[in-house]
Amino acid sequence: MSLKAFHIFFISVSTLFAIWFGVWSLSSYFSGADNGMLLVLAIFSFIVAGVLIVYGIKVFQKLKKL
């Protein structure tokens, strides 16, 4: 596996993990766990997932030119 392929794979897995963690935090928050920190973690996870998506697109475009 080349370094480029590994980088794309790692960004994809990290994005999926951030989305999964955000969904898990939201489901835990809405299931009755009265902890505001879970809501903060969910919002932060979705922000990180968004940043990773933008980063992944930029890296993919740059690596496509190489």
N, C-alpha and C. Protein backbone atom coordinates (compact mmCIF):
# COMPACT_ATOMS: atom_id res chain seq x y z
N MET A 1 0.86 -1.17 0.00
CA MET A 1 0.00 0.00 0.00
C MET A 1 0.90 1.23 0.00
N SER A 2 0.65 2.12 -0.92
CA SER A 2 1.47 3.33 -1.01
C SER A 2 1.11 4.31 0.09
N LEU A 3 1.97 5.27 0.27
CA LEU A 3 1.74 6.29 1.30
C LEU A 3 0.51 7.12 0.97
N LYS A 4 0.29 7.40 -0.31
CA LYS A 4 -0.90 8.17 -0.71
C LYS A 4 -2.18 7.40 -0.38
N ALA A 5 -2.18 6.13 -0.72
CA ALA A 5 -3.37 5.30 -0.45
C ALA A 5 -3.62 5.18 1.05
N PHE A 6 -2.56 5.01 1.81
CA PHE A 6 -2.72 4.90 3.26
C PHE A 6 -3.27 6.21 3.83
N HIS A 7 -2.81 7.34 3.34
CA HIS A 7 -3.27 8.63 3.83
C HIS A 7 -4.77 8.81 3.56
N ILE A 8 -5.20 8.49 2.36
CA ILE A 8 -6.63 8.57 2.03
C ILE A 8 -7.43 7.61 2.90
N PHE A 9 -6.93 6.39 3.08
CA PHE A 9 -7.60 5.41 3.94
C PHE A 9 -7.71 5.91 5.37
N PHE A 10 -6.64 6.46 5.91
CA PHE A 10 -6.62 6.93 7.29
C PHE A 10 -7.58 8.10 7.49
N ILE A 11 -7.64 9.01 6.54
CA ILE A 11 -8.57 10.13 6.63
C ILE A 11 -10.00 9.63 6.59
N SER A 12 -10.27 8.66 5.73
CA SER A 12 -11.63 8.10 5.62
C SER A 12 -12.05 7.42 6.91
N VAL A 13 -11.17 6.60 7.47
CA VAL A 13 -11.49 5.90 8.71
C VAL A 13 -11.67 6.89 9.87
N SER A 14 -10.85 7.91 9.92
CA SER A 14 -10.96 8.92 10.97
C SER A 14 -12.28 9.69 10.86
N THR A 15 -12.69 9.98 9.63
CA THR A 15 -13.96 10.68 9.42
C THR A 15 -15.13 9.81 9.86
N LEU A 16 -15.10 8.54 9.47
CA LEU A 16 -16.18 7.63 9.88
C LEU A 16 -16.22 7.47 11.40
N PHE A 17 -15.06 7.40 12.04
CA PHE A 17 -15.03 7.28 13.50
C PHE A 17 -15.59 8.53 14.16
N ALA A 18 -15.27 9.71 13.65
CA ALA A 18 -15.78 10.95 14.23
C ALA A 18 -17.30 11.02 14.09
N ILE A 19 -17.82 10.60 12.93
CA ILE A 19 -19.28 10.60 12.75
C ILE A 19 -19.93 9.59 13.68
N TRP A 20 -19.34 8.39 13.77
CA TRP A 20 -19.89 7.37 14.67
C TRP A 20 -19.89 7.85 16.12
N PHE A 21 -18.82 8.49 16.55
CA PHE A 21 -18.74 8.96 17.93
C PHE A 21 -19.76 10.07 18.18
N GLY A 22 -19.98 10.93 17.18
CA GLY A 22 -20.99 11.98 17.32
C GLY A 22 -22.39 11.40 17.45
N VAL A 23 -22.69 10.39 16.62
CA VAL A 23 -24.00 9.74 16.70
C VAL A 23 -24.16 9.02 18.03
N TRP A 24 -23.13 8.35 18.48
CA TRP A 24 -23.19 7.66 19.78
C TRP A 24 -23.41 8.65 20.92
N SER A 25 -22.71 9.78 20.88
CA SER A 25 -22.87 10.79 21.93
C SER A 25 -24.28 11.36 21.93
N LEU A 26 -24.81 11.62 20.74
CA LEU A 26 -26.18 12.13 20.67
C LEU A 26 -27.20 11.12 21.17
N SER A 27 -27.02 9.86 20.78
CA SER A 27 -27.97 8.84 21.23
C SER A 27 -27.89 8.65 22.74
N SER A 28 -26.70 8.74 23.30
CA SER A 28 -26.56 8.63 24.76
C SER A 28 -27.19 9.84 25.45
N TYR A 29 -27.02 11.00 24.86
CA TYR A 29 -27.59 12.22 25.44
C TYR A 29 -29.12 12.17 25.43
N PHE A 30 -29.70 11.72 24.30
CA PHE A 30 -31.15 11.69 24.19
C PHE A 30 -31.78 10.48 24.86
N SER A 31 -30.98 9.49 25.24
CA SER A 31 -31.55 8.32 25.91
C SER A 31 -31.76 8.54 27.40
N GLY A 32 -31.43 9.70 27.88
CA GLY A 32 -31.73 10.01 29.27
C GLY A 32 -30.51 10.32 30.10
N ALA A 33 -29.34 10.19 29.55
CA ALA A 33 -28.14 10.56 30.30
C ALA A 33 -28.11 12.09 30.35
N ASP A 34 -28.43 12.62 31.50
CA ASP A 34 -28.56 14.07 31.64
C ASP A 34 -27.18 14.68 31.86
N ASN A 35 -26.37 14.61 30.83
CA ASN A 35 -25.01 15.11 30.92
C ASN A 35 -24.78 16.01 29.71
N GLY A 36 -24.61 17.29 29.95
CA GLY A 36 -24.41 18.24 28.87
C GLY A 36 -23.11 18.02 28.12
N MET A 37 -22.17 17.34 28.76
CA MET A 37 -20.89 17.09 28.12
C MET A 37 -21.05 16.19 26.90
N LEU A 38 -22.01 15.28 26.93
CA LEU A 38 -22.25 14.40 25.77
C LEU A 38 -22.69 15.22 24.56
N LEU A 39 -23.50 16.25 24.80
CA LEU A 39 -23.94 17.11 23.70
C LEU A 39 -22.77 17.89 23.14
N VAL A 40 -21.89 18.38 24.01
CA VAL A 40 -20.70 19.10 23.57
C VAL A 40 -19.79 18.18 22.76
N LEU A 41 -19.61 16.95 23.22
CA LEU A 41 -18.79 15.98 22.50
C LEU A 41 -19.37 15.66 21.13
N ALA A 42 -20.69 15.56 21.05
CA ALA A 42 -21.34 15.27 19.77
C ALA A 42 -21.11 16.41 18.79
N ILE A 43 -21.31 17.63 19.24
CA ILE A 43 -21.11 18.78 18.36
C ILE A 43 -19.66 18.86 17.92
N PHE A 44 -18.74 18.67 18.83
CA PHE A 44 -17.32 18.71 18.51
C PHE A 44 -16.95 17.61 17.51
N SER A 45 -17.51 16.43 17.68
CA SER A 45 -17.22 15.31 16.78
C SER A 45 -17.71 15.61 15.37
N PHE A 46 -18.89 16.21 15.25
CA PHE A 46 -19.40 16.54 13.92
C PHE A 46 -18.59 17.67 13.27
N ILE A 47 -18.09 18.59 14.06
CA ILE A 47 -17.21 19.64 13.53
C ILE A 47 -15.91 19.01 13.02
N VAL A 48 -15.34 18.11 13.81
CA VAL A 48 -14.11 17.42 13.39
C VAL A 48 -14.36 16.62 12.12
N ALA A 49 -15.50 15.95 12.03
CA ALA A 49 -15.81 15.17 10.83
C ALA A 49 -15.91 16.09 9.61
N GLY A 50 -16.51 17.26 9.78
CA GLY A 50 -16.60 18.21 8.68
C GLY A 50 -15.24 18.70 8.23
N VAL A 51 -14.38 19.00 9.19
CA VAL A 51 -13.02 19.44 8.86
C VAL A 51 -12.25 18.32 8.17
N LEU A 52 -12.41 17.10 8.62
CA LEU A 52 -11.74 15.97 7.98
C LEU A 52 -12.23 15.74 6.56
N ILE A 53 -13.50 15.96 6.32
CA ILE A 53 -14.03 15.82 4.96
C ILE A 53 -13.41 16.85 4.04
N VAL A 54 -13.37 18.10 4.49
CA VAL A 54 -12.76 19.17 3.69
C VAL A 54 -11.28 18.87 3.46
N TYR A 55 -10.59 18.45 4.51
CA TYR A 55 -9.17 18.11 4.39
C TYR A 55 -8.96 16.95 3.41
N GLY A 56 -9.82 15.93 3.51
CA GLY A 56 -9.70 14.79 2.62
C GLY A 56 -9.90 15.17 1.16
N ILE A 57 -10.84 16.04 0.89
CA ILE A 57 -11.06 16.49 -0.48
C ILE A 57 -9.85 17.25 -0.99
N LYS A 58 -9.31 18.14 -0.16
CA LYS A 58 -8.13 18.92 -0.58
C LYS A 58 -6.93 18.01 -0.82
N VAL A 59 -6.71 17.05 0.06
CA VAL A 59 -5.57 16.14 -0.10
C VAL A 59 -5.77 15.27 -1.34
N PHE A 60 -6.98 14.78 -1.57
CA PHE A 60 -7.24 13.95 -2.74
C PHE A 60 -6.99 14.71 -4.02
N GLN A 61 -7.41 15.98 -4.07
CA GLN A 61 -7.16 16.80 -5.25
C GLN A 61 -5.67 17.03 -5.45
N LYS A 62 -4.97 17.28 -4.36
CA LYS A 62 -3.52 17.52 -4.47
C LYS A 62 -2.77 16.25 -4.89
N LEU A 63 -3.15 15.12 -4.31
CA LEU A 63 -2.47 13.86 -4.64
C LEU A 63 -2.80 13.39 -6.05
N LYS A 64 -3.96 13.78 -6.56
CA LYS A 64 -4.34 13.40 -7.91
C LYS A 64 -3.42 14.07 -8.94
N LYS A 65 -2.91 15.26 -8.60
CA LYS A 65 -2.02 15.99 -9.50
C LYS A 65 -0.62 15.40 -9.51
N LEU A 66 -0.24 14.71 -8.46
CA LEU A 66 1.13 14.16 -8.38
C LEU A 66 1.33 12.96 -9.26
